[in-house]
Amino acid sequence: MELKDIKDVSKPDLRPLRKDVTVADIGCGFGGLLVALAPKLPDELLIGVLTQALIIGVGMEIRMQVTEFVQDRIKALRHQNPESGLYQNIACVRANTMKFLPNFFKKAQLTKIFLCFPDPHFKARKHKARIVSLTLNSEYAFVMKPGGVVYTITDVEDLHKWILQHFEEHPSFERISKEEEDGDECVKTMMVETEEGKKVDRNKGEKFVACFRRLDDPPWP
């Protein structure tokens, strides 16, 4: 037997995707939104990304455990629903989206991005670590299909104002109307299904929602 004939058991058999991922939950936490959206968007492939802004110390270990928890949660749900085929359209990966987002998605691939209860980084010197900025918004614009929507929610009013400012200043996005927000099933789900959102409800806190549509790129002169 030659070496090339020996199967590498450390590499699991992977099936290629039949279509591209179109929905990303960046900073997906324990996967509550992913699990809730899976049956509502059966024809879409959704991925939750456990973000890691600082890959040092205990933070790295905790986030790895959270990622494994979400992956195990998805496996369990698939096992519990073998006939219906539910939850086959969601997955979770651990990645630093602040650095590598364009490495995961090609230009104009995504139709929805969710930024739910991101770390507010209250200190001014830490604002550069916020997941919304003019620079990062340009990366969101790159991976988003024109007409796609970025969904944001937070319980910190100061961060909400920061999000509004940085998206409204970006030429590739416009805020959608309150009427359209209220009629969007994804907004309704985002409001109640994330673990952080449920904690806000228990504490009788306030939630601030803003959604932004990706505009068409202007024609070349």
Protein backbone atom coordinates (compact mmCIF):
# COMPACT_ATOMS: atom_id res chain seq x y z
CA MET A 1 0.00 0.00 0.00
CA GLU A 2 1.32 3.39 -0.96
CA LEU A 3 1.18 6.41 1.32
CA LYS A 4 -1.24 8.21 -1.01
CA ASP A 5 -3.78 5.39 -0.57
CA ILE A 6 -4.06 5.96 3.19
CA LYS A 7 -7.04 8.11 4.09
CA ASP A 8 -6.32 11.07 6.33
CA VAL A 9 -8.86 10.54 9.13
CA SER A 10 -8.05 13.97 10.58
CA LYS A 11 -9.84 15.58 7.63
CA PRO A 12 -13.60 14.94 7.65
CA ASP A 13 -15.47 14.39 4.41
CA LEU A 14 -16.84 17.76 3.34
CA ARG A 15 -19.65 18.32 0.88
CA PRO A 16 -19.33 21.37 -1.36
CA LEU A 17 -22.04 23.99 -0.99
CA ARG A 18 -24.66 23.92 -3.72
CA LYS A 19 -25.13 27.69 -3.44
CA ASP A 20 -23.54 30.65 -1.71
CA VAL A 21 -24.23 31.80 1.82
CA THR A 22 -26.44 34.90 1.61
CA VAL A 23 -27.16 35.77 5.27
CA ALA A 24 -24.54 36.48 7.95
CA ASP A 25 -25.09 37.01 11.67
CA ILE A 26 -21.88 38.71 12.76
CA GLY A 27 -21.25 38.17 16.45
CA CYS A 28 -23.92 35.46 16.65
CA GLY A 29 -23.50 34.71 20.35
CA PHE A 30 -25.26 31.48 21.32
CA GLY A 31 -27.04 31.20 17.97
CA GLY A 32 -30.55 32.23 19.00
CA LEU A 33 -31.14 34.37 15.92
CA LEU A 34 -29.66 31.75 13.57
CA VAL A 35 -31.95 29.05 14.93
CA ALA A 36 -35.01 31.32 14.75
CA LEU A 37 -34.31 32.46 11.19
CA ALA A 38 -33.54 28.99 9.79
CA PRO A 39 -37.20 27.95 9.24
CA LYS A 40 -38.22 31.49 8.21
CA LEU A 41 -35.60 31.61 5.43
CA PRO A 42 -35.61 28.00 4.18
CA ASP A 43 -34.18 28.86 0.76
CA GLU A 44 -31.25 30.86 2.14
CA LEU A 45 -27.95 29.67 3.58
CA LEU A 46 -27.20 31.41 6.88
CA ILE A 47 -23.91 31.58 8.75
CA GLY A 48 -23.21 32.84 12.23
CA VAL A 49 -19.78 34.34 12.82
CA LEU A 50 -18.32 34.39 16.31
CA THR A 51 -16.25 37.56 16.16
CA GLN A 52 -12.94 37.84 17.92
CA ALA A 53 -11.51 41.33 18.08
CA LEU A 54 -8.70 40.48 20.51
CA ILE A 55 -7.32 36.97 20.09
CA ILE A 56 -5.49 36.81 23.42
CA GLY A 57 -5.92 35.35 26.89
CA VAL A 58 -9.20 34.05 28.23
CA GLY A 59 -11.30 35.80 25.55
CA MET A 60 -10.02 33.42 22.92
CA GLU A 61 -10.86 30.34 24.94
CA ILE A 62 -14.35 31.56 25.87
CA ARG A 63 -15.25 32.37 22.29
CA MET A 64 -14.00 29.01 21.08
CA GLN A 65 -16.30 27.35 23.61
CA VAL A 66 -19.25 29.46 22.46
CA THR A 67 -18.58 28.52 18.83
CA GLU A 68 -18.48 24.84 19.75
CA PHE A 69 -21.71 25.26 21.72
CA VAL A 70 -23.51 26.75 18.69
CA GLN A 71 -22.14 24.05 16.39
CA ASP A 72 -23.32 21.33 18.79
CA ARG A 73 -26.69 23.07 19.11
CA ILE A 74 -27.14 23.01 15.33
CA LYS A 75 -26.14 19.33 15.14
CA ALA A 76 -28.68 18.48 17.86
CA LEU A 77 -31.47 20.36 16.09
CA ARG A 78 -30.70 18.57 12.82
CA HIS A 79 -30.75 15.23 14.62
CA GLN A 80 -34.13 16.08 16.19
CA ASN A 81 -35.63 17.01 12.80
CA PRO A 82 -34.38 14.34 10.36
CA GLU A 83 -37.54 14.18 8.27
CA SER A 84 -38.25 17.89 7.86
CA GLY A 85 -34.70 18.81 6.89
CA LEU A 86 -34.85 21.85 9.15
CA TYR A 87 -31.64 23.58 10.26
CA GLN A 88 -29.61 22.21 7.36
CA ASN A 89 -29.21 25.80 6.13
CA ILE A 90 -27.32 27.25 9.13
CA ALA A 91 -23.76 26.97 10.40
CA CYS A 92 -21.36 28.75 12.73
CA VAL A 93 -17.70 29.65 12.34
CA ARG A 94 -15.21 31.54 14.49
CA ALA A 95 -13.46 34.39 12.71
CA ASN A 96 -12.16 37.90 13.12
CA THR A 97 -14.56 39.73 10.83
CA MET A 98 -12.90 43.06 11.58
CA LYS A 99 -9.89 41.78 9.67
CA PHE A 100 -11.01 38.98 7.37
CA LEU A 101 -14.62 39.57 6.27
CA PRO A 102 -13.75 39.78 2.51
CA ASN A 103 -11.89 36.46 2.86
CA PHE A 104 -15.19 34.71 3.62
CA PHE A 105 -17.53 36.37 1.15
CA LYS A 106 -17.12 37.54 -2.41
CA LYS A 107 -18.33 40.84 -3.80
CA ALA A 108 -22.12 41.32 -3.65
CA GLN A 109 -22.71 37.87 -2.10
CA LEU A 110 -24.80 38.70 0.97
CA THR A 111 -28.39 39.93 1.07
CA LYS A 112 -28.64 40.32 4.85
CA ILE A 113 -26.13 41.13 7.60
CA PHE A 114 -27.15 41.15 11.26
CA LEU A 115 -25.22 43.14 13.88
CA CYS A 116 -27.05 42.32 17.11
CA PHE A 117 -26.06 43.84 20.43
CA PRO A 118 -22.40 44.41 19.53
CA ASP A 119 -19.88 45.32 22.22
CA PRO A 120 -20.35 49.07 22.86
CA HIS A 121 -16.71 49.66 23.88
CA PHE A 122 -17.66 52.64 26.03
CA LYS A 123 -14.19 54.17 26.47
CA ALA A 124 -13.23 56.62 23.72
CA ARG A 125 -9.87 54.93 23.18
CA LYS A 126 -11.72 51.67 22.45
CA HIS A 127 -14.15 53.11 19.87
CA LYS A 128 -11.84 51.88 17.11
CA ALA A 129 -12.80 48.34 18.15
CA ARG A 130 -16.51 48.93 17.49
CA ILE A 131 -17.90 46.72 14.75
CA VAL A 132 -19.40 49.71 12.93
CA SER A 133 -17.12 52.33 11.41
CA LEU A 134 -16.68 54.00 8.03
CA THR A 135 -13.90 51.53 7.21
CA LEU A 136 -15.86 48.43 8.22
CA ASN A 137 -18.99 49.77 6.54
CA SER A 138 -17.03 49.80 3.29
CA GLU A 139 -16.30 46.11 3.79
CA TYR A 140 -19.98 45.43 4.49
CA ALA A 141 -20.78 47.32 1.28
CA PHE A 142 -18.29 45.18 -0.65
CA VAL A 143 -19.82 41.85 0.38
CA MET A 144 -23.45 43.03 0.14
CA LYS A 145 -25.65 42.78 -2.90
CA PRO A 146 -27.31 46.08 -3.88
CA GLY A 147 -30.73 46.11 -2.26
CA GLY A 148 -29.48 44.00 0.66
CA VAL A 149 -30.06 45.13 4.23
CA VAL A 150 -27.83 45.54 7.29
CA TYR A 151 -29.88 44.96 10.46
CA THR A 152 -28.61 46.53 13.70
CA ILE A 153 -29.94 46.41 17.24
CA THR A 154 -28.49 47.55 20.57
CA ASP A 155 -29.65 48.50 24.03
CA VAL A 156 -27.04 51.28 24.31
CA GLU A 157 -28.37 54.58 22.97
CA ASP A 158 -24.90 56.08 22.54
CA LEU A 159 -23.87 53.14 20.34
CA HIS A 160 -27.14 53.45 18.40
CA LYS A 161 -26.31 57.09 17.62
CA TRP A 162 -22.80 56.02 16.58
CA ILE A 163 -24.27 53.40 14.22
CA LEU A 164 -26.67 55.93 12.71
CA GLN A 165 -23.90 58.46 12.16
CA HIS A 166 -21.48 56.07 10.51
CA PHE A 167 -24.00 54.39 8.21
CA GLU A 168 -25.71 57.64 7.22
CA GLU A 169 -22.32 59.16 6.38
CA HIS A 170 -21.43 56.23 4.14
CA PRO A 171 -22.39 56.73 0.47
CA SER A 172 -23.28 53.05 -0.06
CA PHE A 173 -26.11 52.90 2.49
CA GLU A 174 -29.41 54.56 3.26
CA ARG A 175 -31.62 54.01 6.28
CA ILE A 176 -34.89 52.26 5.52
CA SER A 177 -38.16 53.76 6.73
CA LYS A 178 -39.78 52.95 10.07
CA GLU A 179 -42.80 51.56 8.22
CA GLU A 180 -40.59 49.14 6.28
CA GLU A 181 -38.78 48.14 9.46
CA ASP A 182 -42.05 47.40 11.23
CA GLY A 183 -43.18 45.17 8.37
CA ASP A 184 -39.95 43.18 8.11
CA GLU A 185 -40.24 39.70 9.62
CA CYS A 186 -36.49 39.61 10.21
CA VAL A 187 -36.70 42.74 12.39
CA LYS A 188 -39.46 41.17 14.46
CA THR A 189 -37.36 38.04 14.91
CA MET A 190 -34.21 40.00 15.75
CA MET A 191 -36.10 41.92 18.45
CA VAL A 192 -37.10 38.83 20.44
CA GLU A 193 -34.94 35.82 19.59
CA THR A 194 -31.35 36.72 20.51
CA GLU A 195 -30.16 35.73 23.97
CA GLU A 196 -28.97 39.28 24.63
CA GLY A 197 -32.35 40.67 23.57
CA LYS A 198 -34.14 38.36 25.98
CA LYS A 199 -31.89 39.58 28.77
CA VAL A 200 -32.79 43.18 27.90
CA ASP A 201 -36.48 42.24 28.10
CA ARG A 202 -36.00 40.64 31.51
CA ASN A 203 -34.32 43.82 32.74
CA LYS A 204 -37.07 45.94 31.13
CA GLY A 205 -34.50 47.75 29.03
CA GLU A 206 -34.92 49.62 25.74
CA LYS A 207 -33.89 48.36 22.32
CA PHE A 208 -32.74 50.60 19.47
CA VAL A 209 -33.14 49.28 15.92
CA ALA A 210 -31.82 50.69 12.65
CA CYS A 211 -31.68 49.02 9.24
CA PHE A 212 -29.76 50.20 6.20
CA ARG A 213 -30.18 49.28 2.56
CA ARG A 214 -27.18 48.76 0.28
CA LEU A 215 -27.46 51.24 -2.61
CA ASP A 216 -26.46 50.59 -6.19
CA ASP A 217 -22.94 51.66 -7.03
CA PRO A 218 -22.88 54.84 -9.16
CA PRO A 219 -22.00 54.34 -12.83
CA TRP A 220 -18.42 54.90 -13.93
CA PRO A 221 -17.96 58.31 -15.59
